[in-house]
């Protein structure tokens, strides 16, 4: 076999290591750019849409809660004795459940 000895090899081990390091660094930089591009193009818009949807859902839930509270207030004003009786029954049931 005709294996070159270190003296016959035109590229030294240090040159090979430097080349490999440079190639690896270039590949890492390329991959980093690809990941940043994917984040910018795909992930960020999806997160923005999810945030927008969550904000809309929270606003709708808050609006519905205010509406239901207003209805309850109107009902209590229209029928105070029924509201008082319902509150007493609810208190009795809750107390019974908590004793167990």
C-alpha atoms as a PDB file:
ATOM      1  CA  UNK A   1       0.000   0.000   0.000  1.00  0.00           C
ATOM      2  CA  UNK A   2       1.049   3.471  -0.674  1.00  0.00           C
ATOM      3  CA  UNK A   3      -0.115   5.425   2.413  1.00  0.00           C
ATOM      4  CA  UNK A   4       1.328   8.905   2.585  1.00  0.00           C
ATOM      5  CA  UNK A   5       3.328   9.667   5.674  1.00  0.00           C
ATOM      6  CA  UNK A   6       2.696  12.885   7.533  1.00  0.00           C
ATOM      7  CA  UNK A   7       5.715  14.448   5.832  1.00  0.00           C
ATOM      8  CA  UNK A   8       4.443  13.512   2.349  1.00  0.00           C
ATOM      9  CA  UNK A   9       0.896  14.781   2.973  1.00  0.00           C
ATOM     10  CA  UNK A  10       0.531  18.285   1.479  1.00  0.00           C
ATOM     11  CA  UNK A  11      -2.117  19.247   4.049  1.00  0.00           C
ATOM     12  CA  UNK A  12      -1.085  19.112   7.676  1.00  0.00           C
ATOM     13  CA  UNK A  13      -3.265  17.852  10.476  1.00  0.00           C
ATOM     14  CA  UNK A  14      -3.620  21.434  11.728  1.00  0.00           C
ATOM     15  CA  UNK A  15      -4.826  22.517   8.259  1.00  0.00           C
ATOM     16  CA  UNK A  16      -7.348  19.670   8.207  1.00  0.00           C
ATOM     17  CA  UNK A  17      -8.591  20.619  11.674  1.00  0.00           C
ATOM     18  CA  UNK A  18      -8.883  24.273  10.682  1.00  0.00           C
ATOM     19  CA  UNK A  19     -10.796  23.351   7.528  1.00  0.00           C
ATOM     20  CA  UNK A  20     -13.149  21.049   9.453  1.00  0.00           C
ATOM     21  CA  UNK A  21     -13.729  23.744  12.089  1.00  0.00           C
ATOM     22  CA  UNK A  22     -14.445  26.354   9.433  1.00  0.00           C
ATOM     23  CA  UNK A  23     -16.827  24.005   7.593  1.00  0.00           C
ATOM     24  CA  UNK A  24     -18.655  23.150  10.821  1.00  0.00           C
ATOM     25  CA  UNK A  25     -18.973  26.822  11.765  1.00  0.00           C
ATOM     26  CA  UNK A  26     -20.325  27.647   8.298  1.00  0.00           C
ATOM     27  CA  UNK A  27     -22.858  24.810   8.532  1.00  0.00           C
ATOM     28  CA  UNK A  28     -23.959  25.940  12.003  1.00  0.00           C
ATOM     29  CA  UNK A  29     -24.410  29.506  10.748  1.00  0.00           C
ATOM     30  CA  UNK A  30     -26.465  28.230   7.809  1.00  0.00           C
ATOM     31  CA  UNK A  31     -28.658  26.139  10.112  1.00  0.00           C
ATOM     32  CA  UNK A  32     -29.101  29.080  12.489  1.00  0.00           C
ATOM     33  CA  UNK A  33     -30.305  31.243   9.592  1.00  0.00           C
ATOM     34  CA  UNK A  34     -32.759  28.520   8.551  1.00  0.00           C
ATOM     35  CA  UNK A  35     -34.158  28.211  12.085  1.00  0.00           C
ATOM     36  CA  UNK A  36     -34.496  31.983  12.418  1.00  0.00           C
ATOM     37  CA  UNK A  37     -36.282  32.099   9.062  1.00  0.00           C
ATOM     38  CA  UNK A  38     -38.696  29.365  10.106  1.00  0.00           C
ATOM     39  CA  UNK A  39     -39.382  31.125  13.395  1.00  0.00           C
ATOM     40  CA  UNK A  40     -40.013  34.414  11.614  1.00  0.00           C
ATOM     41  CA  UNK A  41     -42.103  32.970   8.773  1.00  0.00           C
ATOM     42  CA  UNK A  42     -44.080  30.217  10.472  1.00  0.00           C
ATOM     43  CA  UNK A  43     -43.959  30.163  14.260  1.00  0.00           C
ATOM     44  CA  UNK A  44     -44.298  33.876  15.053  1.00  0.00           C
ATOM     45  CA  UNK A  45     -47.460  34.365  12.931  1.00  0.00           C
ATOM     46  CA  UNK A  46     -49.107  31.303  14.519  1.00  0.00           C
ATOM     47  CA  UNK A  47     -48.312  32.585  18.005  1.00  0.00           C
ATOM     48  CA  UNK A  48     -49.724  35.970  17.035  1.00  0.00           C
ATOM     49  CA  UNK A  49     -52.921  34.381  15.771  1.00  0.00           C
ATOM     50  CA  UNK A  50     -53.272  32.279  18.920  1.00  0.00           C
ATOM     51  CA  UNK A  51     -52.757  35.358  21.088  1.00  0.00           C
ATOM     52  CA  UNK A  52     -55.360  37.279  19.094  1.00  0.00           C
ATOM     53  CA  UNK A  53     -57.843  34.390  19.449  1.00  0.00           C
ATOM     54  CA  UNK A  54     -57.202  34.168  23.195  1.00  0.00           C
ATOM     55  CA  UNK A  55     -57.744  37.914  23.589  1.00  0.00           C
ATOM     56  CA  UNK A  56     -61.025  37.694  21.676  1.00  0.00           C
ATOM     57  CA  UNK A  57     -62.186  34.724  23.768  1.00  0.00           C
ATOM     58  CA  UNK A  58     -61.312  36.516  27.009  1.00  0.00           C
ATOM     59  CA  UNK A  59     -63.173  39.636  25.878  1.00  0.00           C
ATOM     60  CA  UNK A  60     -66.233  37.582  24.865  1.00  0.00           C
ATOM     61  CA  UNK A  61     -66.205  35.727  28.204  1.00  0.00           C
ATOM     62  CA  UNK A  62     -65.950  38.997  30.116  1.00  0.00           C
ATOM     63  CA  UNK A  63     -68.809  40.509  28.103  1.00  0.00           C
ATOM     64  CA  UNK A  64     -70.967  37.432  28.703  1.00  0.00           C
ATOM     65  CA  UNK A  65     -70.183  37.467  32.425  1.00  0.00           C
ATOM     66  CA  UNK A  66     -71.186  41.143  32.702  1.00  0.00           C
ATOM     67  CA  UNK A  67     -74.368  40.428  30.763  1.00  0.00           C
ATOM     68  CA  UNK A  68     -75.296  37.478  33.004  1.00  0.00           C
ATOM     69  CA  UNK A  69     -74.527  39.506  36.155  1.00  0.00           C
ATOM     70  CA  UNK A  70     -76.810  42.294  34.916  1.00  0.00           C
ATOM     71  CA  UNK A  71     -79.579  39.762  34.201  1.00  0.00           C
ATOM     72  CA  UNK A  72     -79.179  38.264  37.655  1.00  0.00           C
ATOM     73  CA  UNK A  73     -79.345  41.706  39.220  1.00  0.00           C
ATOM     74  CA  UNK A  74     -82.539  42.469  37.301  1.00  0.00           C
ATOM     75  CA  UNK A  75     -84.087  39.172  38.379  1.00  0.00           C
ATOM     76  CA  UNK A  76     -83.227  39.784  42.031  1.00  0.00           C
ATOM     77  CA  UNK A  77     -84.817  43.234  41.851  1.00  0.00           C
ATOM     78  CA  UNK A  78     -87.955  41.826  40.191  1.00  0.00           C
ATOM     79  CA  UNK A  79     -88.334  38.852  42.552  1.00  0.00           C
ATOM     80  CA  UNK A  80     -86.502  39.527  45.822  1.00  0.00           C
ATOM     81  CA  UNK A  81     -88.279  36.822  47.859  1.00  0.00           C
ATOM     82  CA  UNK A  82     -87.526  34.131  45.281  1.00  0.00           C
ATOM     83  CA  UNK A  83     -83.888  35.255  45.187  1.00  0.00           C
ATOM     84  CA  UNK A  84     -83.694  35.107  48.990  1.00  0.00           C
ATOM     85  CA  UNK A  85     -85.231  31.622  49.064  1.00  0.00           C
ATOM     86  CA  UNK A  86     -82.843  30.420  46.346  1.00  0.00           C
ATOM     87  CA  UNK A  87     -79.869  31.817  48.255  1.00  0.00           C
ATOM     88  CA  UNK A  88     -81.019  30.044  51.428  1.00  0.00           C
ATOM     89  CA  UNK A  89     -81.386  26.710  49.614  1.00  0.00           C
ATOM     90  CA  UNK A  90     -77.966  27.131  47.974  1.00  0.00           C
ATOM     91  CA  UNK A  91     -76.420  27.906  51.379  1.00  0.00           C
ATOM     92  CA  UNK A  92     -78.056  24.843  52.929  1.00  0.00           C
ATOM     93  CA  UNK A  93     -76.828  22.560  50.116  1.00  0.00           C
ATOM     94  CA  UNK A  94     -73.320  24.001  50.270  1.00  0.00           C
ATOM     95  CA  UNK A  95     -73.179  23.622  54.069  1.00  0.00           C
ATOM     96  CA  UNK A  96     -74.373  20.003  53.764  1.00  0.00           C
ATOM     97  CA  UNK A  97     -71.682  19.210  51.219  1.00  0.00           C
ATOM     98  CA  UNK A  98     -68.929  20.833  53.254  1.00  0.00           C
ATOM     99  CA  UNK A  99     -69.787  18.890  56.410  1.00  0.00           C
ATOM    100  CA  UNK A 100     -68.959  15.582  54.740  1.00  0.00           C
END
